């Protein structure tokens, strides 16, 4: 057996062993992480304005094939963006000051072949899924608190997720192990001192 062929065989067997080891631990393999549908927080910024503390975010959101199939079969999905303003205290537990929530309900209308997105009791139709998801992917200057004193230390806990509790009961049973349905991202950001 030539030397080059042995080296190729060793590399292939090593990558196969790595893939098996990662699969047994529950971690995604290297091939699965590149281009894998999911969610990623690309921007999270707070700023103090005349209206109070404002939050801007951007999320990269790609749905897995199973999730899109469920949408096409008439299952509505609920996405939630949540921000909580917390005051840091060295002498006691941190004190929550404000909590705001946004909910979107995304559904496919097969008769009109449109995507319907509902937010705060208002609904709007879109021609494609990417247009409907684009509305949820970003928000700018979302007011999360009226006023924040500049002397205190504050931080914001932000999360964006697919609310699986809103799915029909039979679908909730087997979702624990399916990565395509685990769409959630969270991050903590400190409030910058200002004005």
N, C-alpha and C. Protein backbone atom coordinates (compact mmCIF):
# COMPACT_ATOMS: atom_id res chain seq x y z
N UNK A 1 0.84 -1.17 0.00
CA UNK A 1 0.00 0.00 0.00
C UNK A 1 0.89 1.24 0.00
N UNK A 2 0.70 2.16 -0.94
CA UNK A 2 1.54 3.36 -0.99
C UNK A 2 1.33 4.23 0.25
N UNK A 3 2.34 5.07 0.53
CA UNK A 3 2.32 5.93 1.72
C UNK A 3 1.18 6.94 1.68
N UNK A 4 0.93 7.51 0.53
CA UNK A 4 -0.13 8.51 0.41
C UNK A 4 -1.49 7.89 0.72
N UNK A 5 -1.68 6.67 0.30
CA UNK A 5 -2.95 6.03 0.53
C UNK A 5 -3.15 5.71 2.02
N UNK A 6 -2.11 5.33 2.70
CA UNK A 6 -2.21 5.07 4.14
C UNK A 6 -2.55 6.34 4.90
N UNK A 7 -1.93 7.44 4.51
CA UNK A 7 -2.19 8.71 5.16
C UNK A 7 -3.65 9.13 4.97
N UNK A 8 -4.17 8.97 3.75
CA UNK A 8 -5.58 9.29 3.51
C UNK A 8 -6.50 8.41 4.35
N UNK A 9 -6.15 7.15 4.44
CA UNK A 9 -6.95 6.23 5.24
C UNK A 9 -6.94 6.61 6.72
N UNK A 10 -5.79 7.00 7.23
CA UNK A 10 -5.68 7.43 8.62
C UNK A 10 -6.49 8.71 8.87
N UNK A 11 -6.43 9.67 7.94
CA UNK A 11 -7.19 10.91 8.11
C UNK A 11 -8.69 10.65 8.10
N UNK A 12 -9.12 9.81 7.20
CA UNK A 12 -10.55 9.50 7.12
C UNK A 12 -11.03 8.76 8.37
N UNK A 13 -10.23 7.82 8.85
CA UNK A 13 -10.65 7.09 10.05
C UNK A 13 -10.64 8.00 11.27
N UNK A 14 -9.68 8.94 11.35
CA UNK A 14 -9.65 9.88 12.48
C UNK A 14 -10.86 10.81 12.44
N UNK A 15 -11.24 11.30 11.27
CA UNK A 15 -12.41 12.18 11.20
C UNK A 15 -13.69 11.40 11.49
N UNK A 16 -13.73 10.12 11.08
CA UNK A 16 -14.91 9.30 11.39
C UNK A 16 -15.01 9.05 12.89
N UNK A 17 -13.89 8.78 13.55
CA UNK A 17 -13.90 8.58 15.00
C UNK A 17 -14.32 9.86 15.72
N UNK A 18 -13.87 11.02 15.25
CA UNK A 18 -14.26 12.29 15.86
C UNK A 18 -15.75 12.53 15.72
N UNK A 19 -16.29 12.23 14.55
CA UNK A 19 -17.73 12.40 14.33
C UNK A 19 -18.54 11.49 15.24
N UNK A 20 -18.11 10.24 15.39
CA UNK A 20 -18.82 9.30 16.27
C UNK A 20 -18.73 9.77 17.72
N UNK A 21 -17.56 10.23 18.14
CA UNK A 21 -17.39 10.69 19.52
C UNK A 21 -18.26 11.91 19.80
N UNK A 22 -18.33 12.84 18.86
CA UNK A 22 -19.18 14.02 19.05
C UNK A 22 -20.66 13.64 19.06
N UNK A 23 -21.03 12.67 18.22
CA UNK A 23 -22.44 12.25 18.19
C UNK A 23 -22.84 11.59 19.51
N UNK A 24 -21.93 10.84 20.14
CA UNK A 24 -22.25 10.19 21.40
C UNK A 24 -22.35 11.18 22.54
N UNK A 25 -21.60 12.28 22.48
CA UNK A 25 -21.67 13.28 23.54
C UNK A 25 -22.84 14.23 23.36
N UNK A 26 -23.46 14.22 22.19
CA UNK A 26 -24.59 15.11 21.95
C UNK A 26 -24.19 16.43 21.34
N UNK A 27 -22.90 16.66 21.11
CA UNK A 27 -22.44 17.90 20.49
C UNK A 27 -22.55 17.78 18.98
N UNK A 28 -22.80 18.90 18.28
CA UNK A 28 -22.89 18.82 16.83
C UNK A 28 -21.52 18.57 16.22
N UNK A 29 -21.50 17.81 15.15
CA UNK A 29 -20.23 17.55 14.48
C UNK A 29 -19.81 18.77 13.68
N UNK A 30 -18.58 18.75 13.18
CA UNK A 30 -18.07 19.89 12.43
C UNK A 30 -18.85 20.10 11.15
N UNK A 31 -19.31 19.03 10.53
CA UNK A 31 -20.08 19.18 9.31
C UNK A 31 -21.45 19.78 9.59
N UNK A 32 -22.01 19.53 10.76
CA UNK A 32 -23.34 20.04 11.07
C UNK A 32 -23.32 21.50 11.46
N UNK A 33 -22.21 22.01 11.99
CA UNK A 33 -22.21 23.38 12.46
C UNK A 33 -22.11 24.39 11.33
N UNK A 34 -21.52 24.04 10.22
CA UNK A 34 -21.40 25.00 9.14
C UNK A 34 -22.67 25.00 8.31
N UNK A 35 -23.30 26.16 8.18
CA UNK A 35 -24.51 26.30 7.40
C UNK A 35 -25.74 25.67 8.04
N UNK A 36 -25.69 25.37 9.31
CA UNK A 36 -26.80 24.74 10.02
C UNK A 36 -27.86 25.77 10.35
N UNK A 37 -29.14 25.48 10.09
CA UNK A 37 -30.19 26.41 10.47
C UNK A 37 -30.20 26.62 11.97
N UNK A 38 -30.52 27.81 12.38
CA UNK A 38 -30.56 28.09 13.80
C UNK A 38 -30.74 29.58 14.05
N UNK A 39 -30.24 30.03 15.18
CA UNK A 39 -30.44 31.40 15.59
C UNK A 39 -29.13 31.94 16.16
N UNK A 40 -28.84 33.19 15.87
CA UNK A 40 -27.63 33.84 16.35
C UNK A 40 -27.93 35.33 16.55
N UNK A 41 -27.51 35.86 17.67
CA UNK A 41 -27.69 37.27 17.97
C UNK A 41 -26.51 38.04 17.37
N UNK A 42 -26.76 38.89 16.38
CA UNK A 42 -25.68 39.60 15.69
C UNK A 42 -25.48 41.02 16.20
N UNK A 43 -26.49 41.60 16.83
CA UNK A 43 -26.36 42.96 17.35
C UNK A 43 -27.25 43.12 18.58
N UNK A 44 -26.71 43.77 19.61
CA UNK A 44 -27.47 44.09 20.81
C UNK A 44 -26.87 45.35 21.41
N UNK A 45 -27.63 46.45 21.39
CA UNK A 45 -27.12 47.75 21.81
C UNK A 45 -28.18 48.44 22.65
N UNK A 46 -27.76 49.08 23.75
CA UNK A 46 -28.66 49.93 24.52
C UNK A 46 -28.20 51.37 24.39
N UNK A 47 -29.16 52.28 24.46
CA UNK A 47 -28.83 53.70 24.44
C UNK A 47 -29.88 54.46 25.24
N UNK A 48 -29.43 55.55 25.82
CA UNK A 48 -30.36 56.39 26.59
C UNK A 48 -30.88 57.48 25.67
N UNK A 49 -32.18 57.60 25.64
CA UNK A 49 -32.81 58.61 24.81
C UNK A 49 -33.75 59.46 25.64
N UNK A 50 -34.44 60.34 24.97
CA UNK A 50 -35.39 61.22 25.66
C UNK A 50 -36.57 60.43 26.19
N UNK A 51 -36.90 59.31 25.53
CA UNK A 51 -38.02 58.48 25.95
C UNK A 51 -37.65 57.50 27.05
N UNK A 52 -36.37 57.35 27.35
CA UNK A 52 -35.92 56.40 28.36
C UNK A 52 -34.80 55.53 27.81
N UNK A 53 -34.71 54.31 28.30
CA UNK A 53 -33.68 53.38 27.84
C UNK A 53 -34.20 52.62 26.62
N UNK A 54 -33.43 52.67 25.54
CA UNK A 54 -33.84 52.07 24.27
C UNK A 54 -32.92 50.90 23.94
N UNK A 55 -33.48 49.86 23.35
CA UNK A 55 -32.73 48.66 23.00
C UNK A 55 -32.89 48.40 21.51
N UNK A 56 -31.79 48.08 20.84
CA UNK A 56 -31.82 47.68 19.44
C UNK A 56 -31.15 46.32 19.33
N UNK A 57 -31.74 45.45 18.52
CA UNK A 57 -31.16 44.11 18.34
C UNK A 57 -31.33 43.67 16.90
N UNK A 58 -30.49 42.71 16.51
CA UNK A 58 -30.61 42.03 15.22
C UNK A 58 -30.28 40.56 15.44
N UNK A 59 -31.09 39.70 14.85
CA UNK A 59 -30.97 38.26 15.02
C UNK A 59 -30.89 37.61 13.64
N UNK A 60 -29.96 36.66 13.48
CA UNK A 60 -29.93 35.83 12.28
C UNK A 60 -30.77 34.60 12.60
N UNK A 61 -31.85 34.42 11.86
CA UNK A 61 -32.80 33.36 12.15
C UNK A 61 -33.05 32.54 10.89
N UNK A 62 -32.70 31.26 10.95
CA UNK A 62 -32.95 30.34 9.85
C UNK A 62 -33.69 29.14 10.42
N UNK A 63 -34.80 28.80 9.78
CA UNK A 63 -35.62 27.69 10.27
C UNK A 63 -35.16 26.38 9.65
N UNK A 64 -35.19 25.33 10.44
CA UNK A 64 -34.88 23.99 9.95
C UNK A 64 -36.00 23.48 9.05
N UNK A 65 -35.72 22.46 8.29
CA UNK A 65 -36.69 21.90 7.35
C UNK A 65 -37.93 21.38 8.08
N UNK A 66 -37.76 20.76 9.24
CA UNK A 66 -38.91 20.26 10.01
C UNK A 66 -39.82 21.39 10.46
N UNK A 67 -39.23 22.51 10.84
CA UNK A 67 -40.02 23.66 11.30
C UNK A 67 -40.80 24.26 10.13
N UNK A 68 -40.14 24.39 8.98
CA UNK A 68 -40.84 24.92 7.80
C UNK A 68 -41.97 23.99 7.37
N UNK A 69 -41.73 22.68 7.43
CA UNK A 69 -42.78 21.72 7.07
C UNK A 69 -43.99 21.84 8.00
N UNK A 70 -43.73 22.03 9.28
CA UNK A 70 -44.84 22.21 10.23
C UNK A 70 -45.62 23.48 9.92
N UNK A 71 -44.91 24.55 9.56
CA UNK A 71 -45.60 25.79 9.18
C UNK A 71 -46.47 25.57 7.95
N UNK A 72 -45.94 24.88 6.95
CA UNK A 72 -46.70 24.64 5.73
C UNK A 72 -47.91 23.74 5.96
N UNK A 73 -47.88 22.95 7.02
CA UNK A 73 -49.02 22.08 7.35
C UNK A 73 -50.04 22.76 8.25
N UNK A 74 -49.84 24.05 8.55
CA UNK A 74 -50.84 24.80 9.31
C UNK A 74 -50.54 25.02 10.77
N UNK A 75 -49.36 24.65 11.23
CA UNK A 75 -49.01 24.87 12.63
C UNK A 75 -48.47 26.29 12.77
N UNK A 76 -49.06 27.06 13.67
CA UNK A 76 -48.60 28.44 13.91
C UNK A 76 -47.47 28.43 14.93
N UNK A 77 -46.47 29.27 14.70
CA UNK A 77 -45.34 29.39 15.61
C UNK A 77 -45.37 30.74 16.30
N UNK A 78 -44.99 30.76 17.57
CA UNK A 78 -44.94 31.99 18.35
C UNK A 78 -43.49 32.25 18.73
N UNK A 79 -42.99 33.43 18.37
CA UNK A 79 -41.64 33.86 18.73
C UNK A 79 -41.75 34.96 19.77
N UNK A 80 -40.82 34.96 20.73
CA UNK A 80 -40.86 35.91 21.84
C UNK A 80 -39.51 36.60 21.97
N UNK A 81 -39.54 37.92 22.06
CA UNK A 81 -38.36 38.71 22.42
C UNK A 81 -38.62 39.31 23.78
N UNK A 82 -37.68 39.14 24.70
CA UNK A 82 -37.88 39.60 26.07
C UNK A 82 -36.65 40.34 26.55
N UNK A 83 -36.86 41.46 27.21
CA UNK A 83 -35.76 42.25 27.79
C UNK A 83 -36.12 42.60 29.23
N UNK A 84 -35.16 42.39 30.11
CA UNK A 84 -35.36 42.70 31.52
C UNK A 84 -34.23 43.61 31.99
N UNK A 85 -34.59 44.76 32.53
CA UNK A 85 -33.62 45.71 33.08
C UNK A 85 -33.42 45.38 34.55
N UNK A 86 -32.14 45.22 34.95
CA UNK A 86 -31.82 44.82 36.32
C UNK A 86 -30.78 45.78 36.88
N UNK A 87 -30.99 46.19 38.14
CA UNK A 87 -30.04 47.05 38.84
C UNK A 87 -29.08 46.18 39.64
N UNK A 88 -27.78 46.38 39.42
CA UNK A 88 -26.77 45.61 40.17
C UNK A 88 -26.64 46.18 41.57
N UNK A 89 -26.62 45.28 42.56
CA UNK A 89 -26.43 45.71 43.95
C UNK A 89 -25.37 44.81 44.58
N UNK A 90 -24.40 45.40 45.25
CA UNK A 90 -23.34 44.62 45.86
C UNK A 90 -23.75 44.06 47.21
N UNK A 91 -24.74 44.65 47.85
CA UNK A 91 -25.11 44.27 49.21
C UNK A 91 -26.28 43.30 49.27
N UNK A 92 -26.95 43.04 48.17
CA UNK A 92 -28.12 42.18 48.17
C UNK A 92 -28.28 41.61 46.78
N UNK A 93 -29.34 40.83 46.55
CA UNK A 93 -29.60 40.33 45.21
C UNK A 93 -29.86 41.48 44.25
N UNK A 94 -29.55 41.27 42.98
CA UNK A 94 -29.84 42.29 41.98
C UNK A 94 -31.35 42.52 41.89
N UNK A 95 -31.72 43.78 41.63
CA UNK A 95 -33.13 44.16 41.67
C UNK A 95 -33.67 44.36 40.25
N UNK A 96 -34.68 43.56 39.85
CA UNK A 96 -35.31 43.79 38.55
C UNK A 96 -36.08 45.11 38.55
N UNK A 97 -35.87 45.92 37.52
CA UNK A 97 -36.52 47.23 37.46
C UNK A 97 -37.65 47.27 36.42
N UNK A 98 -37.45 46.61 35.28
CA UNK A 98 -38.46 46.63 34.23
C UNK A 98 -38.34 45.36 33.40
N UNK A 99 -39.47 44.94 32.84
CA UNK A 99 -39.48 43.76 31.97
C UNK A 99 -40.48 44.00 30.85
N UNK A 100 -40.01 43.85 29.60
CA UNK A 100 -40.87 44.04 28.44
C UNK A 100 -40.81 42.79 27.57
N UNK A 101 -41.88 42.60 26.82
CA UNK A 101 -42.04 41.37 26.05
C UNK A 101 -42.69 41.71 24.72
N UNK A 102 -42.19 41.08 23.65
CA UNK A 102 -42.82 41.16 22.34
C UNK A 102 -43.09 39.75 21.86
N UNK A 103 -44.32 39.55 21.29
CA UNK A 103 -44.71 38.23 20.80
C UNK A 103 -45.20 38.36 19.36
N UNK A 104 -44.70 37.45 18.52
CA UNK A 104 -45.15 37.37 17.14
C UNK A 104 -45.73 35.99 16.91
N UNK A 105 -46.82 35.94 16.16
CA UNK A 105 -47.43 34.65 15.79
C UNK A 105 -47.34 34.54 14.27
N UNK A 106 -46.63 33.52 13.81
CA UNK A 106 -46.39 33.31 12.39
C UNK A 106 -47.18 32.10 11.93
N UNK A 107 -47.96 32.28 10.85
CA UNK A 107 -48.78 31.18 10.33
C UNK A 107 -48.84 31.28 8.81
N UNK A 108 -49.01 30.13 8.18
CA UNK A 108 -49.14 30.07 6.72
C UNK A 108 -50.61 29.91 6.36
N UNK A 109 -51.08 30.70 5.38
CA UNK A 109 -52.47 30.63 4.92
C UNK A 109 -52.47 29.89 3.57
N UNK A 110 -52.85 28.61 3.53
CA UNK A 110 -52.73 27.85 2.28
C UNK A 110 -53.67 28.32 1.17
N UNK A 111 -54.83 28.86 1.51
CA UNK A 111 -55.75 29.30 0.46
C UNK A 111 -55.22 30.50 -0.29
N UNK A 112 -54.63 31.44 0.41
CA UNK A 112 -54.10 32.64 -0.24
C UNK A 112 -52.61 32.53 -0.54
N UNK A 113 -51.97 31.47 -0.01
CA UNK A 113 -50.53 31.25 -0.17
C UNK A 113 -49.73 32.45 0.32
N UNK A 114 -50.15 32.98 1.45
CA UNK A 114 -49.46 34.09 2.10
C UNK A 114 -49.07 33.69 3.53
N UNK A 115 -48.10 34.39 4.04
CA UNK A 115 -47.66 34.20 5.42
C UNK A 115 -48.25 35.33 6.25
N UNK A 116 -48.89 34.98 7.36
CA UNK A 116 -49.53 35.96 8.22
C UNK A 116 -48.73 36.09 9.51
N UNK A 117 -48.35 37.33 9.82
CA UNK A 117 -47.59 37.63 11.03
C UNK A 117 -48.42 38.55 11.89
N UNK A 118 -48.72 38.12 13.12
CA UNK A 118 -49.53 38.91 14.05
C UNK A 118 -48.64 39.43 15.17
N UNK A 119 -48.84 40.70 15.50
CA UNK A 119 -48.07 41.35 16.56
C UNK A 119 -48.96 42.40 17.22
N UNK A 120 -49.14 42.30 18.54
CA UNK A 120 -49.97 43.24 19.30
C UNK A 120 -51.38 43.38 18.74
N UNK A 121 -51.98 42.28 18.32
CA UNK A 121 -53.34 42.30 17.83
C UNK A 121 -53.48 42.74 16.38
N UNK A 122 -52.39 43.13 15.75
CA UNK A 122 -52.41 43.53 14.34
C UNK A 122 -51.78 42.44 13.50
N UNK A 123 -52.38 42.18 12.33
CA UNK A 123 -51.85 41.15 11.44
C UNK A 123 -51.50 41.76 10.09
N UNK A 124 -50.49 41.16 9.48
CA UNK A 124 -50.08 41.60 8.15
C UNK A 124 -49.69 40.38 7.34
N UNK A 125 -49.99 40.39 6.05
CA UNK A 125 -49.65 39.28 5.17
C UNK A 125 -48.37 39.59 4.41
N UNK A 126 -47.60 38.52 4.15
CA UNK A 126 -46.36 38.62 3.40
C UNK A 126 -46.36 37.55 2.32
N UNK A 127 -45.67 37.83 1.22
CA UNK A 127 -45.64 36.89 0.11
C UNK A 127 -44.69 35.71 0.34
N UNK A 128 -43.66 35.91 1.16
CA UNK A 128 -42.69 34.83 1.39
C UNK A 128 -42.37 34.72 2.87
N UNK A 129 -41.82 33.58 3.22
CA UNK A 129 -41.42 33.34 4.61
C UNK A 129 -40.28 34.26 5.01
N UNK A 130 -39.35 34.50 4.11
CA UNK A 130 -38.20 35.36 4.45
C UNK A 130 -38.64 36.79 4.75
N UNK A 131 -39.66 37.29 4.07
CA UNK A 131 -40.17 38.63 4.37
C UNK A 131 -40.78 38.67 5.77
N UNK A 132 -41.54 37.65 6.12
CA UNK A 132 -42.18 37.61 7.44
C UNK A 132 -41.13 37.49 8.54
N UNK A 133 -40.12 36.64 8.33
CA UNK A 133 -39.07 36.50 9.32
C UNK A 133 -38.23 37.77 9.44
N UNK A 134 -38.09 38.52 8.35
CA UNK A 134 -37.32 39.76 8.37
C UNK A 134 -37.88 40.80 9.32
N UNK A 135 -39.19 40.78 9.51
CA UNK A 135 -39.82 41.74 10.42
C UNK A 135 -39.42 41.43 11.86
N UNK A 136 -39.33 40.15 12.21
CA UNK A 136 -39.00 39.76 13.58
C UNK A 136 -37.50 39.84 13.86
N UNK A 137 -36.70 39.77 12.83
CA UNK A 137 -35.24 39.65 13.01
C UNK A 137 -34.59 40.86 13.64
N UNK A 138 -35.21 42.00 13.55
CA UNK A 138 -34.56 43.19 14.09
C UNK A 138 -35.57 44.16 14.67
N UNK A 139 -35.11 44.91 15.64
CA UNK A 139 -35.90 45.99 16.24
C UNK A 139 -34.94 47.11 16.59
N UNK A 140 -35.37 48.32 16.37
CA UNK A 140 -34.52 49.46 16.72
C UNK A 140 -35.30 50.39 17.64
N UNK A 141 -34.59 50.86 18.64
CA UNK A 141 -35.10 51.81 19.63
C UNK A 141 -36.40 51.32 20.28
N UNK A 142 -36.33 50.12 20.80
CA UNK A 142 -37.43 49.52 21.56
C UNK A 142 -37.29 50.01 22.99
N UNK A 143 -38.28 50.75 23.47
CA UNK A 143 -38.21 51.33 24.82
C UNK A 143 -38.47 50.25 25.86
N UNK A 144 -37.48 50.07 26.74
CA UNK A 144 -37.63 49.05 27.77
C UNK A 144 -37.79 49.64 29.16
N UNK A 145 -37.50 50.93 29.33
CA UNK A 145 -37.67 51.57 30.63
C UNK A 145 -37.82 53.07 30.42
N UNK A 146 -38.54 53.72 31.34
CA UNK A 146 -38.74 55.16 31.22
C UNK A 146 -37.47 55.94 31.53
N UNK A 147 -36.90 55.71 32.69
CA UNK A 147 -35.69 56.45 33.04
C UNK A 147 -34.75 55.56 33.84
N UNK A 148 -33.47 55.76 33.63
CA UNK A 148 -32.44 55.02 34.34
C UNK A 148 -31.44 56.04 34.83
N UNK A 149 -31.18 56.03 36.14
CA UNK A 149 -30.22 57.00 36.67
C UNK A 149 -28.81 56.62 36.21
N UNK A 150 -28.02 57.61 35.89
CA UNK A 150 -26.68 57.38 35.36
C UNK A 150 -25.68 56.91 36.39
N UNK A 151 -25.97 57.07 37.69
CA UNK A 151 -25.01 56.70 38.72
C UNK A 151 -25.02 55.21 39.03
N UNK A 152 -26.15 54.55 38.86
CA UNK A 152 -26.27 53.13 39.23
C UNK A 152 -25.80 52.22 38.10
N UNK A 153 -25.36 51.02 38.49
CA UNK A 153 -24.98 50.00 37.52
C UNK A 153 -26.21 49.19 37.15
N UNK A 154 -26.50 49.12 35.86
CA UNK A 154 -27.63 48.35 35.35
C UNK A 154 -27.14 47.43 34.25
N UNK A 155 -27.89 46.36 34.05
CA UNK A 155 -27.65 45.50 32.89
C UNK A 155 -29.00 45.02 32.38
N UNK A 156 -28.99 44.54 31.13
CA UNK A 156 -30.20 44.06 30.48
C UNK A 156 -30.00 42.59 30.12
N UNK A 157 -30.93 41.76 30.55
CA UNK A 157 -30.99 40.35 30.12
C UNK A 157 -31.93 40.28 28.93
N UNK A 158 -31.41 39.87 27.78
CA UNK A 158 -32.19 39.81 26.54
C UNK A 158 -32.30 38.37 26.08
N UNK A 159 -33.47 37.98 25.61
CA UNK A 159 -33.64 36.65 25.02
C UNK A 159 -34.61 36.73 23.85
N UNK A 160 -34.33 35.90 22.85
CA UNK A 160 -35.20 35.75 21.68
C UNK A 160 -35.35 34.25 21.47
N UNK A 161 -36.60 33.77 21.38
CA UNK A 161 -36.80 32.33 21.32
C UNK A 161 -38.10 31.96 20.62
N UNK A 162 -38.14 30.71 20.19
CA UNK A 162 -39.38 30.10 19.72
C UNK A 162 -40.08 29.54 20.94
N UNK A 163 -41.31 29.97 21.18
CA UNK A 163 -42.05 29.52 22.35
C UNK A 163 -42.71 28.18 22.05
N UNK A 164 -42.05 27.10 22.45
CA UNK A 164 -42.58 25.77 22.17
C UNK A 164 -43.79 25.42 23.03
N UNK A 165 -44.05 26.19 24.08
CA UNK A 165 -45.24 25.96 24.90
C UNK A 165 -46.52 26.32 24.15
N UNK A 166 -46.40 27.12 23.10
CA UNK A 166 -47.57 27.51 22.31
C UNK A 166 -47.89 26.53 21.19
N UNK A 167 -47.04 25.52 21.00
CA UNK A 167 -47.29 24.51 19.97
C UNK A 167 -48.42 23.59 20.43
N UNK A 168 -49.07 22.90 19.50
CA UNK A 168 -50.08 21.91 19.90
C UNK A 168 -49.47 20.85 20.79
N UNK A 169 -50.23 20.35 21.75
CA UNK A 169 -49.74 19.40 22.74
C UNK A 169 -49.05 18.17 22.14
N UNK A 170 -49.59 17.53 21.10
CA UNK A 170 -48.90 16.35 20.56
C UNK A 170 -47.51 16.66 20.02
N UNK A 171 -47.29 17.88 19.56
CA UNK A 171 -45.97 18.24 19.02
C UNK A 171 -44.97 18.51 20.13
N UNK A 172 -45.43 18.89 21.31
CA UNK A 172 -44.52 19.22 22.40
C UNK A 172 -43.86 17.98 23.01
N UNK A 173 -44.44 16.83 22.80
CA UNK A 173 -43.96 15.62 23.46
C UNK A 173 -42.56 15.23 22.99
N UNK A 174 -42.30 15.23 21.69
CA UNK A 174 -41.03 14.73 21.19
C UNK A 174 -40.03 15.79 20.83
N UNK A 175 -40.19 17.03 21.27
CA UNK A 175 -39.30 18.10 20.84
C UNK A 175 -38.03 18.22 21.65
N UNK A 176 -37.88 17.47 22.72
CA UNK A 176 -36.73 17.63 23.60
C UNK A 176 -35.40 17.40 22.93
N UNK A 177 -35.31 16.43 22.01
CA UNK A 177 -34.03 16.07 21.42
C UNK A 177 -33.81 16.66 20.04
N UNK A 178 -34.77 17.34 19.49
CA UNK A 178 -34.65 17.84 18.12
C UNK A 178 -34.05 19.24 18.12
N UNK A 179 -32.86 19.37 17.55
CA UNK A 179 -32.15 20.65 17.54
C UNK A 179 -32.81 21.70 16.68
N UNK A 180 -33.54 21.31 15.64
CA UNK A 180 -34.18 22.29 14.76
C UNK A 180 -35.25 23.11 15.46
N UNK A 181 -35.82 22.58 16.53
CA UNK A 181 -36.86 23.26 17.27
C UNK A 181 -36.33 24.07 18.44
N UNK A 182 -35.08 23.89 18.80
CA UNK A 182 -34.48 24.62 19.91
C UNK A 182 -33.92 25.95 19.41
N UNK A 183 -34.80 26.87 19.12
CA UNK A 183 -34.40 28.18 18.63
C UNK A 183 -34.47 29.16 19.79
N UNK A 184 -33.35 29.44 20.40
CA UNK A 184 -33.30 30.37 21.52
C UNK A 184 -31.90 30.95 21.62
N UNK A 185 -31.85 32.23 21.93
CA UNK A 185 -30.58 32.91 22.17
C UNK A 185 -30.80 33.90 23.30
N UNK A 186 -29.79 34.03 24.17
CA UNK A 186 -29.89 35.00 25.25
C UNK A 186 -28.52 35.61 25.51
N UNK A 187 -28.57 36.85 25.99
CA UNK A 187 -27.33 37.54 26.28
C UNK A 187 -27.58 38.62 27.32
N UNK A 188 -26.53 38.93 28.08
CA UNK A 188 -26.58 40.00 29.06
C UNK A 188 -25.69 41.13 28.55
N UNK A 189 -26.18 42.36 28.65
CA UNK A 189 -25.42 43.52 28.21
C UNK A 189 -25.51 44.59 29.29
N UNK A 190 -24.40 45.24 29.58
CA UNK A 190 -24.41 46.32 30.56
C UNK A 190 -24.93 47.60 29.91
N UNK A 191 -25.64 48.38 30.69
CA UNK A 191 -26.17 49.65 30.20
C UNK A 191 -25.05 50.68 30.29
N UNK A 192 -24.75 51.29 29.15
CA UNK A 192 -23.68 52.28 29.13
C UNK A 192 -24.10 53.53 29.87
N UNK A 193 -23.15 54.07 30.66
CA UNK A 193 -23.42 55.30 31.40
C UNK A 193 -23.57 56.44 30.41
N UNK A 194 -24.49 57.29 30.67
CA UNK A 194 -24.72 58.39 29.74
C UNK A 194 -25.41 59.55 30.40
N UNK A 195 -25.83 60.39 29.61
CA UNK A 195 -26.45 61.67 29.89
C UNK A 195 -26.93 61.82 31.30
